[in-house]
């Protein structure tokens, strides 16, 4: 903590306190990002954990409000009050970090990541608020300061809703975390598929009314539209993207219906599923980008092969996990066949590129 001797101008004392607060918050953020929760000696009690986490973030939100108000209008807080404000913010943030570390590794990496991401978002918001106050004229509430304060509130409210990721869960466990993650992956893939479908519908040859080059016998610039060969390849690529959407939708459905987080094995299976499913949306994006004109058919084939490989891994992991009883194996087999079918067609269309 900062100690001032003698008469120190209020502005100088305030800036010193805020700088020190920023440094402390960054140190906590670094520890949360780099560190791993340990296995506590006491048995993990989910309701107690979520209650404590919610309370810690509620207090952090309140401290953010107090800090912002203290520097929103003159007079500036005294040196003693600056120190008190700084200590209160630090204590609230340390409480957040402490509760986060209660969450054992055994509860699942997906759940831990969800809580860590939410925790770091609050920490980053508080750092931004402190820095915004520092660079603004002290004693005047800037628009940026109001936005930063609201950012901390929003982050804290988001964290407090984590235990109720889905109303069917009394508190969030690794199943809820994986459901949340899969839902996010599915939304991204849906957007990518919709964007590509719109592009195909709206695409028109901008040079359709251009007279063909007399010497070449065709229009020279094919960089802005799809050729007939491109369109044949696009159909199978779209099939692969649709299979990606269907895959995530079905996996999400079975995780909701059959997923459990009662044993280390079940928790690990859910984490494996989330980890590999996380690769679907980036792979879909890479394929989609390579599908725009001018198309490089070899690049499209390589990106399609990568996506197909990821999808088959997801389906394989799903089939061998507890979320896939025998009654659900039919769609796994069907989607595996759909992926192979589209990939075979892509290979045939691009045979000459190798």
Protein backbone atom coordinates (compact mmCIF):
# COMPACT_ATOMS: atom_id res chain seq x y z
CA UNK A 1 0.00 0.00 0.00
CA UNK A 2 1.11 3.55 -0.68
CA UNK A 3 2.03 5.76 2.29
CA UNK A 4 2.18 9.53 1.98
CA UNK A 5 4.13 11.79 4.30
CA UNK A 6 3.40 15.43 4.73
CA UNK A 7 1.16 17.43 2.45
CA UNK A 8 0.85 15.68 -0.89
CA UNK A 9 -1.32 17.22 -3.63
CA UNK A 10 -4.56 15.27 -4.00
CA UNK A 11 -4.00 14.76 -7.73
CA UNK A 12 -0.54 13.31 -7.20
CA UNK A 13 -1.74 11.01 -4.43
CA UNK A 14 -4.67 9.83 -6.56
CA UNK A 15 -2.51 9.07 -9.58
CA UNK A 16 0.02 7.20 -7.47
CA UNK A 17 -2.73 5.10 -5.89
CA UNK A 18 -4.28 4.34 -9.28
CA UNK A 19 -0.92 3.37 -10.81
CA UNK A 20 -0.21 1.01 -7.94
CA UNK A 21 -3.72 -0.43 -8.23
CA UNK A 22 -3.17 -1.07 -11.95
CA UNK A 23 0.05 -2.91 -11.20
CA UNK A 24 -1.61 -5.07 -8.56
CA UNK A 25 -4.53 -5.93 -10.85
CA UNK A 26 -2.18 -6.88 -13.69
CA UNK A 27 -0.27 -9.18 -11.34
CA UNK A 28 -3.49 -10.94 -10.31
CA UNK A 29 -4.55 -11.23 -13.96
CA UNK A 30 -1.22 -12.82 -14.88
CA UNK A 31 -1.56 -15.38 -12.09
CA UNK A 32 -5.11 -16.29 -13.14
CA UNK A 33 -4.06 -16.67 -16.78
CA UNK A 34 -0.98 -18.73 -16.08
CA UNK A 35 -1.88 -20.62 -12.94
CA UNK A 36 -3.95 -23.73 -12.55
CA UNK A 37 -6.44 -24.40 -9.79
CA UNK A 38 -5.26 -27.07 -7.42
CA UNK A 39 -6.99 -29.95 -5.77
CA UNK A 40 -8.20 -28.59 -2.45
CA UNK A 41 -8.01 -30.57 0.73
CA UNK A 42 -11.70 -30.11 1.39
CA UNK A 43 -14.30 -31.85 -0.79
CA UNK A 44 -15.50 -29.59 -3.58
CA UNK A 45 -19.02 -28.30 -2.96
CA UNK A 46 -20.50 -26.85 -6.16
CA UNK A 47 -23.32 -24.82 -4.55
CA UNK A 48 -20.86 -23.22 -2.13
CA UNK A 49 -18.44 -22.47 -4.95
CA UNK A 50 -21.05 -20.80 -7.17
CA UNK A 51 -22.51 -18.79 -4.30
CA UNK A 52 -19.05 -17.55 -3.31
CA UNK A 53 -18.12 -16.73 -6.91
CA UNK A 54 -21.35 -14.82 -7.46
CA UNK A 55 -20.83 -12.87 -4.24
CA UNK A 56 -17.22 -12.05 -5.15
CA UNK A 57 -18.24 -10.64 -8.50
CA UNK A 58 -21.11 -8.71 -6.98
CA UNK A 59 -18.67 -7.04 -4.59
CA UNK A 60 -16.26 -6.35 -7.46
CA UNK A 61 -19.05 -4.63 -9.39
CA UNK A 62 -19.85 -2.49 -6.35
CA UNK A 63 -16.19 -1.53 -5.89
CA UNK A 64 -15.97 -0.55 -9.56
CA UNK A 65 -18.93 1.77 -9.05
CA UNK A 66 -17.38 3.34 -5.95
CA UNK A 67 -14.05 3.84 -7.70
CA UNK A 68 -15.66 5.43 -10.74
CA UNK A 69 -17.88 7.74 -8.69
CA UNK A 70 -14.97 8.86 -6.50
CA UNK A 71 -13.18 10.25 -9.55
CA UNK A 72 -16.20 11.47 -11.49
CA UNK A 73 -16.45 14.92 -9.91
CA UNK A 74 -14.43 17.23 -7.68
CA UNK A 75 -13.21 17.28 -5.03
CA UNK A 76 -10.78 14.42 -5.47
CA UNK A 77 -10.67 11.86 -2.66
CA UNK A 78 -8.04 12.43 0.00
CA UNK A 79 -4.85 10.38 0.11
CA UNK A 80 -6.38 8.19 2.82
CA UNK A 81 -9.56 7.67 0.81
CA UNK A 82 -7.56 6.88 -2.32
CA UNK A 83 -5.69 4.24 -0.40
CA UNK A 84 -8.95 2.83 0.99
CA UNK A 85 -10.56 2.71 -2.47
CA UNK A 86 -7.51 0.98 -3.89
CA UNK A 87 -7.39 -1.59 -1.11
CA UNK A 88 -11.11 -2.33 -1.42
CA UNK A 89 -10.79 -2.97 -5.16
CA UNK A 90 -7.74 -5.17 -4.61
CA UNK A 91 -9.51 -7.16 -1.90
CA UNK A 92 -12.54 -7.72 -4.12
CA UNK A 93 -10.35 -8.88 -7.02
CA UNK A 94 -8.27 -11.13 -4.77
CA UNK A 95 -11.50 -12.69 -3.50
CA UNK A 96 -12.49 -13.43 -7.09
CA UNK A 97 -9.14 -15.07 -7.82
CA UNK A 98 -9.25 -17.03 -4.57
CA UNK A 99 -12.68 -18.47 -5.32
CA UNK A 100 -11.62 -19.31 -8.88
CA UNK A 101 -8.78 -21.38 -7.44
CA UNK A 102 -11.30 -23.41 -5.45
CA UNK A 103 -12.44 -25.04 -8.69
CA UNK A 104 -10.48 -28.32 -8.94
CA UNK A 105 -9.03 -29.62 -12.17
CA UNK A 106 -11.11 -32.73 -11.74
CA UNK A 107 -14.30 -30.78 -12.38
CA UNK A 108 -13.34 -30.54 -16.06
CA UNK A 109 -11.13 -28.38 -18.25
CA UNK A 110 -14.07 -26.98 -20.22
CA UNK A 111 -15.77 -25.74 -17.07
CA UNK A 112 -12.49 -24.38 -15.74
CA UNK A 113 -11.84 -22.51 -18.98
CA UNK A 114 -15.33 -21.04 -18.91
CA UNK A 115 -14.85 -19.74 -15.37
CA UNK A 116 -11.30 -18.56 -16.09
CA UNK A 117 -12.40 -16.65 -19.19
CA UNK A 118 -15.18 -14.97 -17.24
CA UNK A 119 -12.78 -14.14 -14.41
CA UNK A 120 -10.16 -12.63 -16.71
CA UNK A 121 -12.84 -10.57 -18.45
CA UNK A 122 -13.76 -8.97 -15.13
CA UNK A 123 -10.11 -8.37 -14.27
CA UNK A 124 -9.42 -6.84 -17.67
CA UNK A 125 -12.48 -4.63 -17.26
CA UNK A 126 -11.30 -3.36 -13.89
CA UNK A 127 -7.82 -2.67 -15.27
CA UNK A 128 -9.32 -0.76 -18.19
CA UNK A 129 -11.48 1.28 -15.82
CA UNK A 130 -8.48 2.17 -13.65
CA UNK A 131 -6.39 3.12 -16.68
CA UNK A 132 -9.23 5.20 -18.10
CA UNK A 133 -9.52 7.17 -14.86
CA UNK A 134 -5.74 7.65 -14.90
CA UNK A 135 -5.58 9.14 -18.39
CA UNK A 136 -8.70 11.29 -17.97
CA UNK A 137 -8.65 14.67 -16.22
CA UNK A 138 -9.06 13.69 -12.58
CA UNK A 139 -12.37 14.74 -11.12
CA UNK A 140 -14.25 14.67 -14.41
CA UNK A 141 -16.34 11.75 -15.62
CA UNK A 142 -15.49 11.04 -19.25
CA UNK A 143 -17.59 9.06 -21.69
CA UNK A 144 -14.85 6.42 -21.77
CA UNK A 145 -14.98 6.13 -17.99
CA UNK A 146 -18.73 5.51 -18.10
CA UNK A 147 -18.26 2.86 -20.79
CA UNK A 148 -15.48 1.18 -18.80
CA UNK A 149 -17.60 1.15 -15.65
CA UNK A 150 -20.47 -0.39 -17.59
CA UNK A 151 -18.05 -2.96 -18.99
CA UNK A 152 -17.16 -4.14 -15.49
CA UNK A 153 -20.85 -4.33 -14.54
CA UNK A 154 -21.62 -6.36 -17.64
CA UNK A 155 -18.73 -8.76 -17.06
CA UNK A 156 -19.75 -9.26 -13.43
CA UNK A 157 -23.38 -9.91 -14.37
CA UNK A 158 -22.25 -12.43 -16.97
CA UNK A 159 -20.24 -14.26 -14.34
CA UNK A 160 -23.12 -14.31 -11.89
CA UNK A 161 -25.25 -16.08 -14.51
CA UNK A 162 -22.70 -18.84 -15.12
CA UNK A 163 -24.29 -21.29 -12.66
CA UNK A 164 -27.49 -21.01 -14.67
CA UNK A 165 -26.01 -21.58 -18.10
CA UNK A 166 -29.12 -23.62 -18.79
CA UNK A 167 -32.18 -23.66 -16.60
CA UNK A 168 -32.04 -27.46 -16.39
CA UNK A 169 -28.83 -27.30 -14.36
CA UNK A 170 -29.07 -26.38 -10.67
CA UNK A 171 -25.43 -25.29 -10.92
CA UNK A 172 -22.93 -25.35 -13.74
CA UNK A 173 -20.83 -28.47 -14.10
CA UNK A 174 -18.69 -29.72 -16.95
CA UNK A 175 -21.75 -30.92 -18.83
CA UNK A 176 -23.26 -27.43 -18.71
CA UNK A 177 -19.92 -25.95 -19.76
CA UNK A 178 -19.63 -28.30 -22.75
CA UNK A 179 -23.23 -27.60 -23.76
CA UNK A 180 -22.43 -23.88 -23.64
CA UNK A 181 -19.26 -24.35 -25.69
CA UNK A 182 -20.97 -26.54 -28.31
CA UNK A 183 -23.80 -24.01 -28.64
CA UNK A 184 -21.26 -21.29 -29.35
CA UNK A 185 -19.46 -23.45 -31.94
CA UNK A 186 -22.77 -24.24 -33.65
CA UNK A 187 -23.73 -20.56 -33.86
CA UNK A 188 -20.46 -19.73 -35.63
CA UNK A 189 -20.87 -22.57 -38.13
CA UNK A 190 -24.49 -21.57 -38.81
CA UNK A 191 -23.35 -18.02 -39.59
CA UNK A 192 -20.60 -19.21 -41.93
CA UNK A 193 -22.98 -21.54 -43.76
CA UNK A 194 -25.65 -18.85 -44.09
CA UNK A 195 -23.11 -16.36 -45.41
CA UNK A 196 -21.91 -18.78 -48.05
CA UNK A 197 -25.47 -19.72 -49.05
CA UNK A 198 -26.29 -16.03 -49.50
CA UNK A 199 -23.14 -15.50 -51.55
CA UNK A 200 -24.12 -18.36 -53.87
CA UNK A 201 -27.65 -17.04 -54.30
CA UNK A 202 -26.61 -13.43 -54.86
CA UNK A 203 -23.56 -14.14 -57.01
CA UNK A 204 -23.87 -12.93 -60.55
CA UNK A 205 -21.22 -12.66 -63.18
CA UNK A 206 -20.44 -8.92 -63.22
CA UNK A 207 -18.96 -9.31 -66.69
CA UNK A 208 -21.90 -11.17 -68.22
CA UNK A 209 -22.62 -8.29 -70.58
CA UNK A 210 -18.97 -7.87 -71.60
CA UNK A 211 -18.04 -8.84 -75.14
CA UNK A 212 -15.60 -11.72 -75.26
CA UNK A 213 -12.02 -10.93 -76.11
CA UNK A 214 -11.67 -11.46 -79.87
CA UNK A 215 -8.24 -13.02 -79.62
CA UNK A 216 -8.73 -15.12 -76.48
CA UNK A 217 -12.27 -16.13 -77.27
CA UNK A 218 -13.38 -15.61 -73.66
CA UNK A 219 -13.48 -12.88 -71.05
CA UNK A 220 -10.08 -12.53 -69.43
CA UNK A 221 -11.06 -11.62 -65.87
CA UNK A 222 -12.45 -14.62 -64.02
CA UNK A 223 -11.34 -13.43 -60.58
CA UNK A 224 -14.71 -12.05 -59.57
CA UNK A 225 -17.10 -14.90 -60.31
CA UNK A 226 -17.37 -18.68 -60.13
CA UNK A 227 -16.80 -20.77 -63.23
CA UNK A 228 -18.84 -23.87 -64.01
CA UNK A 229 -16.03 -26.05 -62.66
CA UNK A 230 -15.99 -23.95 -59.49
CA UNK A 231 -19.71 -24.41 -59.01
CA UNK A 232 -19.47 -28.19 -59.27
CA UNK A 233 -16.84 -28.18 -56.55
CA UNK A 234 -18.84 -25.72 -54.45
CA UNK A 235 -21.78 -28.11 -54.19
CA UNK A 236 -19.74 -30.75 -52.40
CA UNK A 237 -18.04 -28.15 -50.21
CA UNK A 238 -21.45 -26.87 -49.16
CA UNK A 239 -22.40 -30.46 -48.40
CA UNK A 240 -19.41 -30.69 -46.08
CA UNK A 241 -20.35 -27.42 -44.37
CA UNK A 242 -23.92 -28.63 -43.89
CA UNK A 243 -22.56 -31.86 -42.42
CA UNK A 244 -20.57 -29.73 -39.96
CA UNK A 245 -23.71 -27.96 -38.83
CA UNK A 246 -25.62 -31.24 -38.54
CA UNK A 247 -22.75 -32.83 -36.62
CA UNK A 248 -22.58 -30.06 -34.02
CA UNK A 249 -26.35 -29.97 -33.72
CA UNK A 250 -26.57 -33.70 -33.03
CA UNK A 251 -23.59 -33.75 -30.68
CA UNK A 252 -25.10 -30.86 -28.73
CA UNK A 253 -28.37 -32.76 -28.54
CA UNK A 254 -26.84 -35.95 -27.13
CA UNK A 255 -24.62 -34.08 -24.66
CA UNK A 256 -27.74 -32.35 -23.36
CA UNK A 257 -29.68 -35.62 -23.21
CA UNK A 258 -27.06 -38.10 -22.01
CA UNK A 259 -24.04 -36.12 -20.83
CA UNK A 260 -22.99 -36.60 -17.23
CA UNK A 261 -20.23 -35.19 -15.07
CA UNK A 262 -20.47 -37.64 -12.20
CA UNK A 263 -17.17 -39.45 -12.72
CA UNK A 264 -13.65 -38.49 -13.86
CA UNK A 265 -14.11 -40.62 -16.97
CA UNK A 266 -17.34 -38.87 -17.96
CA UNK A 267 -15.81 -35.45 -17.32
CA UNK A 268 -12.75 -36.33 -19.42
CA UNK A 269 -14.91 -37.62 -22.28
CA UNK A 270 -16.88 -34.38 -22.34
CA UNK A 271 -13.65 -32.38 -22.38
CA UNK A 272 -12.28 -34.45 -25.27
CA UNK A 273 -15.48 -33.84 -27.19
CA UNK A 274 -15.38 -30.09 -26.58
CA UNK A 275 -11.69 -29.89 -27.52
CA UNK A 276 -12.09 -31.56 -30.91
CA UNK A 277 -15.45 -29.87 -31.64
CA UNK A 278 -13.69 -26.55 -31.07
CA UNK A 279 -11.73 -27.25 -34.27
CA UNK A 280 -14.84 -27.44 -36.46
CA UNK A 281 -15.68 -23.75 -36.77
CA UNK A 282 -12.12 -22.60 -37.65
CA UNK A 283 -11.93 -25.40 -40.23
CA UNK A 284 -15.29 -24.36 -41.69
CA UNK A 285 -14.08 -20.76 -41.88
CA UNK A 286 -10.88 -21.77 -43.68
CA UNK A 287 -12.82 -23.81 -46.20
CA UNK A 288 -15.35 -21.01 -46.73
CA UNK A 289 -12.61 -18.43 -47.35
CA UNK A 290 -10.99 -20.64 -49.97
CA UNK A 291 -14.34 -21.06 -51.74
CA UNK A 292 -14.58 -17.43 -52.82
CA UNK A 293 -13.39 -16.53 -56.32
CA UNK A 294 -10.79 -16.78 -57.63
CA UNK A 295 -10.84 -20.37 -56.40
CA UNK A 296 -7.68 -22.37 -55.97
CA UNK A 297 -9.04 -25.89 -56.29
CA UNK A 298 -6.07 -27.50 -54.57
CA UNK A 299 -6.41 -25.17 -51.57
CA UNK A 300 -10.11 -25.98 -51.42
CA UNK A 301 -9.34 -29.70 -51.47
CA UNK A 302 -6.79 -29.38 -48.66
CA UNK A 303 -9.13 -27.30 -46.49
CA UNK A 304 -11.99 -29.70 -47.16
CA UNK A 305 -9.80 -32.66 -46.18
CA UNK A 306 -8.87 -30.93 -42.94
CA UNK A 307 -12.53 -30.27 -42.09
CA UNK A 308 -13.52 -33.83 -43.00
CA UNK A 309 -10.79 -35.17 -40.72
CA UNK A 310 -11.99 -33.03 -37.81
CA UNK A 311 -15.61 -34.07 -38.34
CA UNK A 312 -14.73 -37.76 -38.40
CA UNK A 313 -12.75 -37.36 -35.17
CA UNK A 314 -15.73 -35.66 -33.52
CA UNK A 315 -18.04 -38.45 -34.66
CA UNK A 316 -15.60 -41.14 -33.55
CA UNK A 317 -15.14 -39.61 -30.09
CA UNK A 318 -18.89 -39.15 -29.76
CA UNK A 319 -19.59 -42.77 -30.66
CA UNK A 320 -17.15 -44.14 -28.08
CA UNK A 321 -18.27 -41.86 -25.25
CA UNK A 322 -21.07 -42.16 -22.70
CA UNK A 323 -23.20 -39.58 -24.55
CA UNK A 324 -23.89 -42.01 -27.39
CA UNK A 325 -26.01 -45.00 -26.39
CA UNK A 326 -26.72 -47.63 -29.09
CA UNK A 327 -29.96 -45.86 -30.00
CA UNK A 328 -27.94 -42.83 -31.19
CA UNK A 329 -25.37 -44.65 -33.29
CA UNK A 330 -27.45 -44.43 -36.46
CA UNK A 331 -26.95 -40.71 -37.05
CA UNK A 332 -23.23 -41.04 -36.29
CA UNK A 333 -22.93 -43.61 -39.06
CA UNK A 334 -25.09 -41.53 -41.41
CA UNK A 335 -23.03 -38.36 -40.92
CA UNK A 336 -19.78 -40.29 -41.29
CA UNK A 337 -21.07 -41.51 -44.64
CA UNK A 338 -22.12 -37.99 -45.64
CA UNK A 339 -18.64 -36.64 -44.86
CA UNK A 340 -16.98 -39.43 -46.88
CA UNK A 341 -19.39 -38.96 -49.79
CA UNK A 342 -18.75 -35.22 -50.09
CA UNK A 343 -15.02 -35.64 -49.64
CA UNK A 344 -14.88 -38.30 -52.37
CA UNK A 345 -16.66 -35.94 -54.77
CA UNK A 346 -14.25 -33.12 -53.90
CA UNK A 347 -11.32 -35.44 -54.61
CA UNK A 348 -12.80 -36.42 -57.96
CA UNK A 349 -13.41 -32.80 -58.99
CA UNK A 350 -9.85 -31.80 -58.06
CA UNK A 351 -8.00 -34.87 -59.36
CA UNK A 352 -6.24 -32.83 -62.01
CA UNK A 353 -4.85 -30.39 -59.45
CA UNK A 354 -2.47 -32.92 -57.89
